[in-house]
Amino acid sequence: MLRFADTLRIEVSDARGERRPESCEPAEGAASGYGLPLVAALAAKWGVVERNGVGKTVWAECLWP
């Protein structure tokens, strides 16, 4: 977690790089699939950085009052 003057940045890394995360509506009653739609709803901006074929990092920036 990094905090700047007006922004809080959160990063989550994963060693698996074969699949890029995608935000989509979870199926009704699904037990998973809510993470990225929640991030997209709460964050000012977010994205994915691929790490040289050895995983990925999903990051989100939220405005800090």
PDB file of N, CA and C in Angstrom:
ATOM      1  N   MET A   1       0.849  -1.160   0.000  1.00  0.00           N
ATOM      2  CA  MET A   1       0.000   0.000   0.000  1.00  0.00           C
ATOM      3  C   MET A   1       0.901   1.231   0.000  1.00  0.00           C
ATOM      4  N   LEU A   2       0.593   2.173  -0.854  1.00  0.00           N
ATOM      5  CA  LEU A   2       1.317   3.432  -0.914  1.00  0.00           C
ATOM      6  C   LEU A   2       0.336   4.570  -0.725  1.00  0.00           C
ATOM      7  N   ARG A   3       0.728   5.566   0.013  1.00  0.00           N
ATOM      8  CA  ARG A   3      -0.145   6.711   0.198  1.00  0.00           C
ATOM      9  C   ARG A   3       0.560   7.959  -0.313  1.00  0.00           C
ATOM     10  N   PHE A   4      -0.118   8.678  -1.185  1.00  0.00           N
ATOM     11  CA  PHE A   4       0.360   9.949  -1.704  1.00  0.00           C
ATOM     12  C   PHE A   4      -0.511  11.041  -1.090  1.00  0.00           C
ATOM     13  N   ALA A   5      -0.310  12.276  -1.461  1.00  0.00           N
ATOM     14  CA  ALA A   5      -1.039  13.392  -0.860  1.00  0.00           C
ATOM     15  C   ALA A   5      -2.558  13.185  -0.888  1.00  0.00           C
ATOM     16  N   ASP A   6      -3.090  12.746  -2.010  1.00  0.00           N
ATOM     17  CA  ASP A   6      -4.542  12.607  -2.109  1.00  0.00           C
ATOM     18  C   ASP A   6      -4.978  11.258  -2.678  1.00  0.00           C
ATOM     19  N   THR A   7      -4.059  10.287  -2.711  1.00  0.00           N
ATOM     20  CA  THR A   7      -4.346   8.995  -3.327  1.00  0.00           C
ATOM     21  C   THR A   7      -3.786   7.857  -2.485  1.00  0.00           C
ATOM     22  N   LEU A   8      -4.555   6.798  -2.377  1.00  0.00           N
ATOM     23  CA  LEU A   8      -4.104   5.565  -1.745  1.00  0.00           C
ATOM     24  C   LEU A   8      -3.996   4.529  -2.858  1.00  0.00           C
ATOM     25  N   ARG A   9      -2.820   3.946  -3.030  1.00  0.00           N
ATOM     26  CA  ARG A   9      -2.597   2.939  -4.081  1.00  0.00           C
ATOM     27  C   ARG A   9      -2.408   1.572  -3.428  1.00  0.00           C
ATOM     28  N   ILE A  10      -3.177   0.601  -3.897  1.00  0.00           N
ATOM     29  CA  ILE A  10      -3.119  -0.761  -3.387  1.00  0.00           C
ATOM     30  C   ILE A  10      -2.701  -1.665  -4.544  1.00  0.00           C
ATOM     31  N   GLU A  11      -1.741  -2.554  -4.287  1.00  0.00           N
ATOM     32  CA  GLU A  11      -1.275  -3.490  -5.303  1.00  0.00           C
ATOM     33  C   GLU A  11      -1.344  -4.910  -4.758  1.00  0.00           C
ATOM     34  N   VAL A  12      -1.805  -5.839  -5.602  1.00  0.00           N
ATOM     35  CA  VAL A  12      -1.850  -7.254  -5.241  1.00  0.00           C
ATOM     36  C   VAL A  12      -1.172  -8.023  -6.365  1.00  0.00           C
ATOM     37  N   SER A  13      -0.151  -8.808  -6.008  1.00  0.00           N
ATOM     38  CA  SER A  13       0.610  -9.567  -7.008  1.00  0.00           C
ATOM     39  C   SER A  13       0.268 -11.048  -6.954  1.00  0.00           C
ATOM     40  N   ASP A  14       0.421 -11.686  -8.101  1.00  0.00           N
ATOM     41  CA  ASP A  14       0.112 -13.103  -8.270  1.00  0.00           C
ATOM     42  C   ASP A  14       1.213 -13.698  -9.149  1.00  0.00           C
ATOM     43  N   ALA A  15       1.763 -14.833  -8.775  1.00  0.00           N
ATOM     44  CA  ALA A  15       2.845 -15.451  -9.538  1.00  0.00           C
ATOM     45  C   ALA A  15       2.369 -16.107 -10.831  1.00  0.00           C
ATOM     46  N   ARG A  16       1.087 -16.292 -10.983  1.00  0.00           N
ATOM     47  CA  ARG A  16       0.564 -16.924 -12.200  1.00  0.00           C
ATOM     48  C   ARG A  16       0.315 -15.877 -13.269  1.00  0.00           C
ATOM     49  N   GLY A  17       1.029 -15.976 -14.366  1.00  0.00           N
ATOM     50  CA  GLY A  17       0.910 -14.988 -15.421  1.00  0.00           C
ATOM     51  C   GLY A  17       0.173 -15.454 -16.653  1.00  0.00           C
ATOM     52  N   GLU A  18      -0.319 -16.699 -16.652  1.00  0.00           N
ATOM     53  CA  GLU A  18      -0.929 -17.235 -17.864  1.00  0.00           C
ATOM     54  C   GLU A  18      -2.311 -16.663 -18.164  1.00  0.00           C
ATOM     55  N   ARG A  19      -2.946 -16.034 -17.192  1.00  0.00           N
ATOM     56  CA  ARG A  19      -4.288 -15.499 -17.418  1.00  0.00           C
ATOM     57  C   ARG A  19      -4.397 -14.084 -16.882  1.00  0.00           C
ATOM     58  N   ARG A  20      -4.826 -13.174 -17.735  1.00  0.00           N
ATOM     59  CA  ARG A  20      -5.013 -11.784 -17.337  1.00  0.00           C
ATOM     60  C   ARG A  20      -6.403 -11.627 -16.718  1.00  0.00           C
ATOM     61  N   PRO A  21      -6.502 -10.971 -15.562  1.00  0.00           N
ATOM     62  CA  PRO A  21      -7.821 -10.809 -14.941  1.00  0.00           C
ATOM     63  C   PRO A  21      -8.714  -9.885 -15.761  1.00  0.00           C
ATOM     64  N   GLU A  22      -9.982 -10.206 -15.800  1.00  0.00           N
ATOM     65  CA  GLU A  22     -10.970  -9.398 -16.512  1.00  0.00           C
ATOM     66  C   GLU A  22     -12.147  -9.119 -15.591  1.00  0.00           C
ATOM     67  N   SER A  23     -12.633  -7.896 -15.645  1.00  0.00           N
ATOM     68  CA  SER A  23     -13.797  -7.532 -14.856  1.00  0.00           C
ATOM     69  C   SER A  23     -15.057  -7.879 -15.636  1.00  0.00           C
ATOM     70  N   CYS A  24     -15.895  -8.725 -15.058  1.00  0.00           N
ATOM     71  CA  CYS A  24     -17.164  -9.083 -15.690  1.00  0.00           C
ATOM     72  C   CYS A  24     -18.178  -9.355 -14.594  1.00  0.00           C
ATOM     73  N   GLU A  25     -19.424  -9.313 -14.950  1.00  0.00           N
ATOM     74  CA  GLU A  25     -20.488  -9.572 -13.986  1.00  0.00           C
ATOM     75  C   GLU A  25     -20.474 -11.035 -13.588  1.00  0.00           C
ATOM     76  N   PRO A  26     -20.437 -11.343 -12.285  1.00  0.00           N
ATOM     77  CA  PRO A  26     -20.489 -12.746 -11.864  1.00  0.00           C
ATOM     78  C   PRO A  26     -21.875 -13.327 -12.118  1.00  0.00           C
ATOM     79  N   ALA A  27     -21.921 -14.638 -12.310  1.00  0.00           N
ATOM     80  CA  ALA A  27     -23.203 -15.314 -12.514  1.00  0.00           C
ATOM     81  C   ALA A  27     -24.036 -15.206 -11.242  1.00  0.00           C
ATOM     82  N   GLU A  28     -25.329 -15.176 -11.403  1.00  0.00           N
ATOM     83  CA  GLU A  28     -26.223 -15.077 -10.246  1.00  0.00           C
ATOM     84  C   GLU A  28     -25.978 -16.233  -9.282  1.00  0.00           C
ATOM     85  N   GLY A  29     -25.759 -15.904  -8.031  1.00  0.00           N
ATOM     86  CA  GLY A  29     -25.523 -16.912  -7.008  1.00  0.00           C
ATOM     87  C   GLY A  29     -24.096 -17.437  -6.967  1.00  0.00           C
ATOM     88  N   ALA A  30     -23.209 -16.875  -7.791  1.00  0.00           N
ATOM     89  CA  ALA A  30     -21.819 -17.344  -7.816  1.00  0.00           C
ATOM     90  C   ALA A  30     -21.110 -17.035  -6.508  1.00  0.00           C
ATOM     91  N   ALA A  31     -20.183 -17.912  -6.129  1.00  0.00           N
ATOM     92  CA  ALA A  31     -19.419 -17.725  -4.899  1.00  0.00           C
ATOM     93  C   ALA A  31     -18.183 -16.867  -5.137  1.00  0.00           C
ATOM     94  N   SER A  32     -17.825 -16.620  -6.394  1.00  0.00           N
ATOM     95  CA  SER A  32     -16.647 -15.811  -6.699  1.00  0.00           C
ATOM     96  C   SER A  32     -16.928 -14.940  -7.923  1.00  0.00           C
ATOM     97  N   GLY A  33     -15.971 -14.084  -8.234  1.00  0.00           N
ATOM     98  CA  GLY A  33     -16.112 -13.224  -9.406  1.00  0.00           C
ATOM     99  C   GLY A  33     -16.515 -11.799  -9.077  1.00  0.00           C
ATOM    100  N   TYR A  34     -16.536 -11.454  -7.796  1.00  0.00           N
ATOM    101  CA  TYR A  34     -16.981 -10.125  -7.389  1.00  0.00           C
ATOM    102  C   TYR A  34     -15.829  -9.139  -7.184  1.00  0.00           C
ATOM    103  N   GLY A  35     -14.582  -9.629  -7.136  1.00  0.00           N
ATOM    104  CA  GLY A  35     -13.433  -8.792  -6.789  1.00  0.00           C
ATOM    105  C   GLY A  35     -13.206  -7.606  -7.700  1.00  0.00           C
ATOM    106  N   LEU A  36     -12.997  -7.850  -8.990  1.00  0.00           N
ATOM    107  CA  LEU A  36     -12.697  -6.736  -9.891  1.00  0.00           C
ATOM    108  C   LEU A  36     -13.880  -5.793 -10.116  1.00  0.00           C
ATOM    109  N   PRO A  37     -15.130  -6.269 -10.185  1.00  0.00           N
ATOM    110  CA  PRO A  37     -16.229  -5.309 -10.265  1.00  0.00           C
ATOM    111  C   PRO A  37     -16.283  -4.393  -9.035  1.00  0.00           C
ATOM    112  N   LEU A  38     -15.936  -4.938  -7.874  1.00  0.00           N
ATOM    113  CA  LEU A  38     -15.891  -4.125  -6.657  1.00  0.00           C
ATOM    114  C   LEU A  38     -14.766  -3.092  -6.736  1.00  0.00           C
ATOM    115  N   VAL A  39     -13.595  -3.530  -7.193  1.00  0.00           N
ATOM    116  CA  VAL A  39     -12.461  -2.618  -7.362  1.00  0.00           C
ATOM    117  C   VAL A  39     -12.832  -1.513  -8.343  1.00  0.00           C
ATOM    118  N   ALA A  40     -13.426  -1.872  -9.463  1.00  0.00           N
ATOM    119  CA  ALA A  40     -13.803  -0.881 -10.480  1.00  0.00           C
ATOM    120  C   ALA A  40     -14.821   0.126  -9.932  1.00  0.00           C
ATOM    121  N   ALA A  41     -15.715  -0.330  -9.070  1.00  0.00           N
ATOM    122  CA  ALA A  41     -16.731   0.560  -8.504  1.00  0.00           C
ATOM    123  C   ALA A  41     -16.149   1.523  -7.474  1.00  0.00           C
ATOM    124  N   LEU A  42     -15.129   1.094  -6.730  1.00  0.00           N
ATOM    125  CA  LEU A  42     -14.598   1.902  -5.639  1.00  0.00           C
ATOM    126  C   LEU A  42     -13.365   2.722  -5.999  1.00  0.00           C
ATOM    127  N   ALA A  43     -12.612   2.297  -6.983  1.00  0.00           N
ATOM    128  CA  ALA A  43     -11.344   2.959  -7.308  1.00  0.00           C
ATOM    129  C   ALA A  43     -11.535   4.079  -8.318  1.00  0.00           C
ATOM    130  N   ALA A  44     -10.676   5.091  -8.212  1.00  0.00           N
ATOM    131  CA  ALA A  44     -10.665   6.172  -9.203  1.00  0.00           C
ATOM    132  C   ALA A  44     -10.101   5.638 -10.515  1.00  0.00           C
ATOM    133  N   LYS A  45      -9.102   4.740 -10.420  1.00  0.00           N
ATOM    134  CA  LYS A  45      -8.561   4.044 -11.588  1.00  0.00           C
ATOM    135  C   LYS A  45      -7.879   2.770 -11.121  1.00  0.00           C
ATOM    136  N   TRP A  46      -7.747   1.807 -12.033  1.00  0.00           N
ATOM    137  CA  TRP A  46      -7.111   0.536 -11.716  1.00  0.00           C
ATOM    138  C   TRP A  46      -6.565  -0.076 -12.990  1.00  0.00           C
ATOM    139  N   GLY A  47      -5.690  -1.051 -12.842  1.00  0.00           N
ATOM    140  CA  GLY A  47      -5.115  -1.697 -14.011  1.00  0.00           C
ATOM    141  C   GLY A  47      -4.329  -2.938 -13.632  1.00  0.00           C
ATOM    142  N   VAL A  48      -3.703  -3.541 -14.650  1.00  0.00           N
ATOM    143  CA  VAL A  48      -2.926  -4.763 -14.471  1.00  0.00           C
ATOM    144  C   VAL A  48      -1.564  -4.554 -15.122  1.00  0.00           C
ATOM    145  N   VAL A  49      -0.509  -4.965 -14.423  1.00  0.00           N
ATOM    146  CA  VAL A  49       0.850  -4.912 -14.951  1.00  0.00           C
ATOM    147  C   VAL A  49       1.368  -6.337 -15.012  1.00  0.00           C
ATOM    148  N   GLU A  50       1.809  -6.764 -16.190  1.00  0.00           N
ATOM    149  CA  GLU A  50       2.386  -8.099 -16.322  1.00  0.00           C
ATOM    150  C   GLU A  50       3.864  -8.021 -15.989  1.00  0.00           C
ATOM    151  N   ARG A  51       4.367  -9.006 -15.271  1.00  0.00           N
ATOM    152  CA  ARG A  51       5.742  -9.005 -14.755  1.00  0.00           C
ATOM    153  C   ARG A  51       6.633  -9.989 -15.497  1.00  0.00           C
ATOM    154  N   ASN A  52       7.075  -9.664 -16.706  1.00  0.00           N
ATOM    155  CA  ASN A  52       8.041 -10.468 -17.463  1.00  0.00           C
ATOM    156  C   ASN A  52       7.703 -11.958 -17.498  1.00  0.00           C
ATOM    157  N   GLY A  53       6.455 -12.288 -17.678  1.00  0.00           N
ATOM    158  CA  GLY A  53       6.038 -13.674 -17.767  1.00  0.00           C
ATOM    159  C   GLY A  53       6.033 -14.424 -16.438  1.00  0.00           C
ATOM    160  N   VAL A  54       6.322 -13.729 -15.333  1.00  0.00           N
ATOM    161  CA  VAL A  54       6.356 -14.369 -14.024  1.00  0.00           C
ATOM    162  C   VAL A  54       5.282 -13.753 -13.134  1.00  0.00           C
ATOM    163  N   GLY A  55       4.097 -13.685 -13.630  1.00  0.00           N
ATOM    164  CA  GLY A  55       3.007 -13.179 -12.814  1.00  0.00           C
ATOM    165  C   GLY A  55       2.479 -11.827 -13.258  1.00  0.00           C
ATOM    166  N   LYS A  56       1.661 -11.269 -12.380  1.00  0.00           N
ATOM    167  CA  LYS A  56       1.014  -9.989 -12.678  1.00  0.00           C
ATOM    168  C   LYS A  56       0.723  -9.261 -11.374  1.00  0.00           C
ATOM    169  N   THR A  57       0.497  -7.971 -11.486  1.00  0.00           N
ATOM    170  CA  THR A  57       0.102  -7.154 -10.348  1.00  0.00           C
ATOM    171  C   THR A  57      -1.136  -6.373 -10.730  1.00  0.00           C
ATOM    172  N   VAL A  58      -2.187  -6.493  -9.932  1.00  0.00           N
ATOM    173  CA  VAL A  58      -3.389  -5.685 -10.109  1.00  0.00           C
ATOM    174  C   VAL A  58      -3.261  -4.519  -9.130  1.00  0.00           C
ATOM    175  N   TRP A  59      -3.451  -3.302  -9.622  1.00  0.00           N
ATOM    176  CA  TRP A  59      -3.332  -2.126  -8.779  1.00  0.00           C
ATOM    177  C   TRP A  59      -4.611  -1.295  -8.848  1.00  0.00           C
ATOM    178  N   ALA A  60      -4.869  -0.554  -7.792  1.00  0.00           N
ATOM    179  CA  ALA A  60      -6.035   0.334  -7.739  1.00  0.00           C
ATOM    180  C   ALA A  60      -5.646   1.585  -6.986  1.00  0.00           C
ATOM    181  N   GLU A  61      -6.162   2.713  -7.439  1.00  0.00           N
ATOM    182  CA  GLU A  61      -5.928   3.984  -6.752  1.00  0.00           C
ATOM    183  C   GLU A  61      -7.262   4.564  -6.321  1.00  0.00           C
ATOM    184  N   CYS A  62      -7.348   4.861  -5.023  1.00  0.00           N
ATOM    185  CA  CYS A  62      -8.549   5.453  -4.440  1.00  0.00           C
ATOM    186  C   CYS A  62      -8.221   6.854  -3.956  1.00  0.00           C
ATOM    187  N   LEU A  63      -9.151   7.770  -4.125  1.00  0.00           N
ATOM    188  CA  LEU A  63      -8.930   9.123  -3.633  1.00  0.00           C
ATOM    189  C   LEU A  63      -8.936   9.133  -2.122  1.00  0.00           C
ATOM    190  N   TRP A  64      -7.991   9.851  -1.528  1.00  0.00           N
ATOM    191  CA  TRP A  64      -7.825   9.913  -0.088  1.00  0.00           C
ATOM    192  C   TRP A  64      -8.245  11.310   0.371  1.00  0.00           C
ATOM    193  N   PRO A  65      -9.207  11.393   1.285  1.00  0.00           N
ATOM    194  CA  PRO A  65      -9.679  12.725   1.689  1.00  0.00           C
ATOM    195  C   PRO A  65      -8.628  13.537   2.449  1.00  0.00           C
TER     196      PRO A  65
END
